């Protein structure tokens, strides 16, 4: 995820009203003493934390429960270190926010959230495929999907440059307020557009480094070709035609990208767009928002939209956060009551609005809030960011491999390393043999 310093300057939208739903009350008993301790992710968006605090305090005042909230930054891996430390000590916050892969890594230490999720899904609709994949293990919900921090890494195109050099009108292809007209927006079209914009002096800004943004892009392209390194049953599937086809495609694409993309981190594509150097990046709308403040002439030419379709479909990477409850918590019922409150429709809407539309709920009924339709400039620039027409499958890189294996593929940047090895001149079968060896190791751990 493009969690750069600039996200702290993300401009938030004003609050909107929503219908109020009341969560089931927490019934206090003699066992419920002391504070309910909460560890939330420290949001990049100024003001977004206040919305979470207000919702928690609203619940706490109603239920007469004392709460303590800590906002834990992801900078310096502090949130990940906190999760690890509390898991080892079997002591800490009652509720703790965890990014995508961590609920599975700590599944044996988490309180099941099936009872909360049953009510949330009934109210809010089913969750997307990525949350379903990451949020469950053995029929047990490991946590509650948090819209706070959850995002899609969507293409953000320059309207003017795509039209001038690639002869593509992204506003016509993804019109604000209307379904996509994107049948011709395929991986072949994408490659031709990348070539045309490169020749025009404004290459696509797609990283091939070893951080999240690069892996997200690679994962989406691999999935569009049906390429898997490990299947859902844990079988090695590296040496397949689909993987070979993907590497061939990436070899062609890399020729049209900036020459230093192998060294890009999660800030690089943001800077590329804001500096006016490229025609397309893959990112949540934080880069656009900073451009709106620092380079308004760039922002007014930005349009966020869907990913091109490959032979196996149209995919987009959704990176969720979860709110989890430790199994060793002494205040589980209070924690569950609070998470039910935070999952109410009115609460979800307040959180999304406070983030200026950056945060994306996992539920199907929350893809058409006004904050996305009204964002500007230009008006409607974020309309298709939340996938309002279910136009693409929301997934995550390296799925459907068992999550512990997919996690390692992401952490070790196996996909981007494969692409660079092959594009750099290594023989196809040697690259595949290397990747297969890596995945064999992940399966053993």
Foldseek 3Di string as FASTA:
>chain_A
DLPDLLLLVFEFFDADFDDDDAFDAQDDDPLDDDAQEEEAAAGSYPQLVVLVVVLLVVNCVVNVGHYDYDHFYPVVPRLVVVLVVCLVVVDDHQKYKDWQQPLVVSVVFFDFLVVLVVVLCVQFNDFAPACVLRQDDPNTGQFAWDLGPKFWQFKKFQQVLLCPFLVDRVCQQPPQPDHGVPPVQALVSVLSSQQRSLVVQAHAAAALEQEDRNLQVLQQLLVLLPHFQAALVGHGDLPDPSNVVSLVSLLSNCVSYPPCRHVDYSNVNLCSQLVVRHGIYTGQCSSLSSSVVVPVVSNLRIATAFHHHHPNGGEIEIIIMGITGTPSDSPNSVVSSSVSSCSDPRNSSRSCSSSLNRGATRGLNPLQDVSQQQDDNVRNRRNPRNVNVVRHRYHGGNPPYNSQLRVQCSNRSLSSVLSCCVSVPDDNVVSSVVSSVVSVVSSVD
